[in-house]
Every structure is written in structure tokens, then in C-alpha cells.
Amino acid sequence: MELVQQTAVLVQQSTELTQQTADLAQQTIEIAQQTSKLVQQSNSKS
């Protein structure tokens, strides 16, 4: 039974890690979009 419990904990941790990875991917997309806007502003000024 202990193995089943440990497995359940591992699955939960894996799920949380997957969610964190998805959040990080979203943040990375937002940073890329902001960087693109900055580049466009820089190009328009020069």
C-alpha cells in the first residue's frame, strides 16, 4: 500500500511540474511579445 501512496504523490508532483512548465511557457511567450514590441519601437525611432 505504501508503494501506491508514493506513486500517487509522484503523480501529483508530476502534475504540478507540468502546470509550472505550462506557466513558464506562457511567461516566455509574453516576454517574447514584449521584446518584439521593444524592437519595433527601437527600429521606428532610428
PDB file of N, CA and C in Angstrom:
ATOM      1  N   MET A   1       0.830  -1.202   0.000  1.00  0.00           N
ATOM      2  CA  MET A   1       0.000   0.000   0.000  1.00  0.00           C
ATOM      3  C   MET A   1       0.865   1.254   0.000  1.00  0.00           C
ATOM      4  N   GLU A   2       2.038   1.113   0.638  1.00  0.00           N
ATOM      5  CA  GLU A   2       2.925   2.277   0.686  1.00  0.00           C
ATOM      6  C   GLU A   2       3.391   2.686  -0.717  1.00  0.00           C
ATOM      7  N   LEU A   3       3.618   1.683  -1.541  1.00  0.00           N
ATOM      8  CA  LEU A   3       4.054   1.976  -2.910  1.00  0.00           C
ATOM      9  C   LEU A   3       2.971   2.718  -3.684  1.00  0.00           C
ATOM     10  N   VAL A   4       1.729   2.325  -3.457  1.00  0.00           N
ATOM     11  CA  VAL A   4       0.616   3.001  -4.122  1.00  0.00           C
ATOM     12  C   VAL A   4       0.560   4.471  -3.684  1.00  0.00           C
ATOM     13  N   GLN A   5       0.752   4.707  -2.399  1.00  0.00           N
ATOM     14  CA  GLN A   5       0.730   6.072  -1.875  1.00  0.00           C
ATOM     15  C   GLN A   5       1.879   6.894  -2.459  1.00  0.00           C
ATOM     16  N   GLN A   6       3.054   6.303  -2.505  1.00  0.00           N
ATOM     17  CA  GLN A   6       4.202   7.008  -3.066  1.00  0.00           C
ATOM     18  C   GLN A   6       3.985   7.329  -4.540  1.00  0.00           C
ATOM     19  N   THR A   7       3.369   6.388  -5.225  1.00  0.00           N
ATOM     20  CA  THR A   7       3.080   6.611  -6.641  1.00  0.00           C
ATOM     21  C   THR A   7       2.083   7.748  -6.820  1.00  0.00           C
ATOM     22  N   ALA A   8       1.080   7.798  -5.952  1.00  0.00           N
ATOM     23  CA  ALA A   8       0.086   8.866  -6.021  1.00  0.00           C
ATOM     24  C   ALA A   8       0.742  10.223  -5.786  1.00  0.00           C
ATOM     25  N   VAL A   9       1.661  10.274  -4.832  1.00  0.00           N
ATOM     26  CA  VAL A   9       2.382  11.520  -4.560  1.00  0.00           C
ATOM     27  C   VAL A   9       3.213  11.918  -5.766  1.00  0.00           C
ATOM     28  N   LEU A  10       3.876  10.954  -6.370  1.00  0.00           N
ATOM     29  CA  LEU A  10       4.708  11.228  -7.539  1.00  0.00           C
ATOM     30  C   LEU A  10       3.875  11.746  -8.701  1.00  0.00           C
ATOM     31  N   VAL A  11       2.721  11.159  -8.899  1.00  0.00           N
ATOM     32  CA  VAL A  11       1.821  11.619  -9.967  1.00  0.00           C
ATOM     33  C   VAL A  11       1.381  13.061  -9.701  1.00  0.00           C
ATOM     34  N   GLN A  12       1.069  13.360  -8.453  1.00  0.00           N
ATOM     35  CA  GLN A  12       0.662  14.718  -8.097  1.00  0.00           C
ATOM     36  C   GLN A  12       1.790  15.708  -8.345  1.00  0.00           C
ATOM     37  N   GLN A  13       2.989  15.350  -7.938  1.00  0.00           N
ATOM     38  CA  GLN A  13       4.138  16.235  -8.156  1.00  0.00           C
ATOM     39  C   GLN A  13       4.394  16.436  -9.644  1.00  0.00           C
ATOM     40  N   SER A  14       4.226  15.375 -10.399  1.00  0.00           N
ATOM     41  CA  SER A  14       4.424  15.454 -11.840  1.00  0.00           C
ATOM     42  C   SER A  14       3.392  16.372 -12.474  1.00  0.00           C
ATOM     43  N   THR A  15       2.163  16.282 -11.993  1.00  0.00           N
ATOM     44  CA  THR A  15       1.098  17.157 -12.486  1.00  0.00           C
ATOM     45  C   THR A  15       1.416  18.616 -12.184  1.00  0.00           C
ATOM     46  N   GLU A  16       1.889  18.878 -10.966  1.00  0.00           N
ATOM     47  CA  GLU A  16       2.236  20.241 -10.585  1.00  0.00           C
ATOM     48  C   GLU A  16       3.389  20.766 -11.429  1.00  0.00           C
ATOM     49  N   LEU A  17       4.373  19.915 -11.695  1.00  0.00           N
ATOM     50  CA  LEU A  17       5.508  20.320 -12.511  1.00  0.00           C
ATOM     51  C   LEU A  17       5.065  20.641 -13.936  1.00  0.00           C
ATOM     52  N   THR A  18       4.144  19.844 -14.457  1.00  0.00           N
ATOM     53  CA  THR A  18       3.616  20.098 -15.795  1.00  0.00           C
ATOM     54  C   THR A  18       2.918  21.454 -15.843  1.00  0.00           C
ATOM     55  N   GLN A  19       2.140  21.773 -14.814  1.00  0.00           N
ATOM     56  CA  GLN A  19       1.455  23.054 -14.741  1.00  0.00           C
ATOM     57  C   GLN A  19       2.446  24.206 -14.661  1.00  0.00           C
ATOM     58  N   GLN A  20       3.481  24.033 -13.855  1.00  0.00           N
ATOM     59  CA  GLN A  20       4.507  25.067 -13.732  1.00  0.00           C
ATOM     60  C   GLN A  20       5.218  25.279 -15.062  1.00  0.00           C
ATOM     61  N   THR A  21       5.448  24.181 -15.781  1.00  0.00           N
ATOM     62  CA  THR A  21       6.098  24.281 -17.089  1.00  0.00           C
ATOM     63  C   THR A  21       5.214  25.040 -18.064  1.00  0.00           C
ATOM     64  N   ALA A  22       3.923  24.776 -18.010  1.00  0.00           N
ATOM     65  CA  ALA A  22       2.981  25.490 -18.872  1.00  0.00           C
ATOM     66  C   ALA A  22       2.960  26.973 -18.526  1.00  0.00           C
ATOM     67  N   ASP A  23       2.988  27.287 -17.235  1.00  0.00           N
ATOM     68  CA  ASP A  23       3.018  28.685 -16.811  1.00  0.00           C
ATOM     69  C   ASP A  23       4.282  29.372 -17.314  1.00  0.00           C
ATOM     70  N   LEU A  24       5.402  28.675 -17.203  1.00  0.00           N
ATOM     71  CA  LEU A  24       6.671  29.232 -17.656  1.00  0.00           C
ATOM     72  C   LEU A  24       6.659  29.461 -19.160  1.00  0.00           C
ATOM     73  N   ALA A  25       6.079  28.546 -19.897  1.00  0.00           N
ATOM     74  CA  ALA A  25       5.972  28.704 -21.347  1.00  0.00           C
ATOM     75  C   ALA A  25       5.146  29.938 -21.683  1.00  0.00           C
ATOM     76  N   GLN A  26       4.059  30.149 -20.969  1.00  0.00           N
ATOM     77  CA  GLN A  26       3.215  31.317 -21.180  1.00  0.00           C
ATOM     78  C   GLN A  26       3.986  32.596 -20.899  1.00  0.00           C
ATOM     79  N   GLN A  27       4.749  32.610 -19.809  1.00  0.00           N
ATOM     80  CA  GLN A  27       5.550  33.777 -19.466  1.00  0.00           C
ATOM     81  C   GLN A  27       6.606  34.041 -20.535  1.00  0.00           C
ATOM     82  N   THR A  28       7.184  32.969 -21.056  1.00  0.00           N
ATOM     83  CA  THR A  28       8.201  33.106 -22.095  1.00  0.00           C
ATOM     84  C   THR A  28       7.599  33.721 -23.351  1.00  0.00           C
ATOM     85  N   ILE A  29       6.387  33.298 -23.697  1.00  0.00           N
ATOM     86  CA  ILE A  29       5.686  33.865 -24.850  1.00  0.00           C
ATOM     87  C   ILE A  29       5.457  35.361 -24.635  1.00  0.00           C
ATOM     88  N   GLU A  30       5.017  35.733 -23.434  1.00  0.00           N
ATOM     89  CA  GLU A  30       4.747  37.134 -23.135  1.00  0.00           C
ATOM     90  C   GLU A  30       6.025  37.965 -23.219  1.00  0.00           C
ATOM     91  N   ILE A  31       7.123  37.415 -22.707  1.00  0.00           N
ATOM     92  CA  ILE A  31       8.405  38.122 -22.786  1.00  0.00           C
ATOM     93  C   ILE A  31       8.816  38.315 -24.241  1.00  0.00           C
ATOM     94  N   ALA A  32       8.624  37.288 -25.045  1.00  0.00           N
ATOM     95  CA  ALA A  32       8.971  37.385 -26.464  1.00  0.00           C
ATOM     96  C   ALA A  32       8.140  38.465 -27.153  1.00  0.00           C
ATOM     97  N   GLN A  33       6.872  38.538 -26.806  1.00  0.00           N
ATOM     98  CA  GLN A  33       5.994  39.552 -27.396  1.00  0.00           C
ATOM     99  C   GLN A  33       6.434  40.955 -26.987  1.00  0.00           C
ATOM    100  N   GLN A  34       6.784  41.112 -25.713  1.00  0.00           N
ATOM    101  CA  GLN A  34       7.246  42.405 -25.231  1.00  0.00           C
ATOM    102  C   GLN A  34       8.555  42.795 -25.900  1.00  0.00           C
ATOM    103  N   THR A  35       9.443  41.821 -26.064  1.00  0.00           N
ATOM    104  CA  THR A  35      10.723  42.082 -26.720  1.00  0.00           C
ATOM    105  C   THR A  35      10.498  42.520 -28.162  1.00  0.00           C
ATOM    106  N   SER A  36       9.565  41.862 -28.822  1.00  0.00           N
ATOM    107  CA  SER A  36       9.245  42.213 -30.205  1.00  0.00           C
ATOM    108  C   SER A  36       8.742  43.650 -30.294  1.00  0.00           C
ATOM    109  N   LYS A  37       7.894  44.050 -29.349  1.00  0.00           N
ATOM    110  CA  LYS A  37       7.386  45.421 -29.332  1.00  0.00           C
ATOM    111  C   LYS A  37       8.520  46.421 -29.119  1.00  0.00           C
ATOM    112  N   LEU A  38       9.445  46.076 -28.226  1.00  0.00           N
ATOM    113  CA  LEU A  38      10.581  46.961 -27.966  1.00  0.00           C
ATOM    114  C   LEU A  38      11.447  47.109 -29.209  1.00  0.00           C
ATOM    115  N   VAL A  39      11.662  46.010 -29.906  1.00  0.00           N
ATOM    116  CA  VAL A  39      12.468  46.056 -31.133  1.00  0.00           C
ATOM    117  C   VAL A  39      11.785  46.934 -32.174  1.00  0.00           C
ATOM    118  N   GLN A  40      10.484  46.797 -32.300  1.00  0.00           N
ATOM    119  CA  GLN A  40       9.746  47.602 -33.274  1.00  0.00           C
ATOM    120  C   GLN A  40       9.837  49.087 -32.929  1.00  0.00           C
ATOM    121  N   GLN A  41       9.730  49.397 -31.628  1.00  0.00           N
ATOM    122  CA  GLN A  41       9.831  50.787 -31.202  1.00  0.00           C
ATOM    123  C   GLN A  41      11.232  51.325 -31.486  1.00  0.00           C
ATOM    124  N   SER A  42      12.224  50.497 -31.237  1.00  0.00           N
ATOM    125  CA  SER A  42      13.614  50.897 -31.460  1.00  0.00           C
ATOM    126  C   SER A  42      13.864  51.153 -32.940  1.00  0.00           C
ATOM    127  N   ASN A  43      13.312  50.286 -33.776  1.00  0.00           N
ATOM    128  CA  ASN A  43      13.510  50.436 -35.219  1.00  0.00           C
ATOM    129  C   ASN A  43      12.797  51.675 -35.747  1.00  0.00           C
ATOM    130  N   SER A  44      11.653  51.984 -35.187  1.00  0.00           N
ATOM    131  CA  SER A  44      10.892  53.129 -35.681  1.00  0.00           C
ATOM    132  C   SER A  44      11.546  54.453 -35.283  1.00  0.00           C
ATOM    133  N   LYS A  45      12.310  54.410 -34.189  1.00  0.00           N
ATOM    134  CA  LYS A  45      12.982  55.635 -33.724  1.00  0.00           C
ATOM    135  C   LYS A  45      14.266  55.904 -34.493  1.00  0.00           C
ATOM    136  N   SER A  46      14.873  54.873 -35.026  1.00  0.00           N
ATOM    137  CA  SER A  46      16.159  55.033 -35.694  1.00  0.00           C
ATOM    138  C   SER A  46      15.969  55.318 -37.181  1.00  0.00           C
TER     139      SER A  46
END
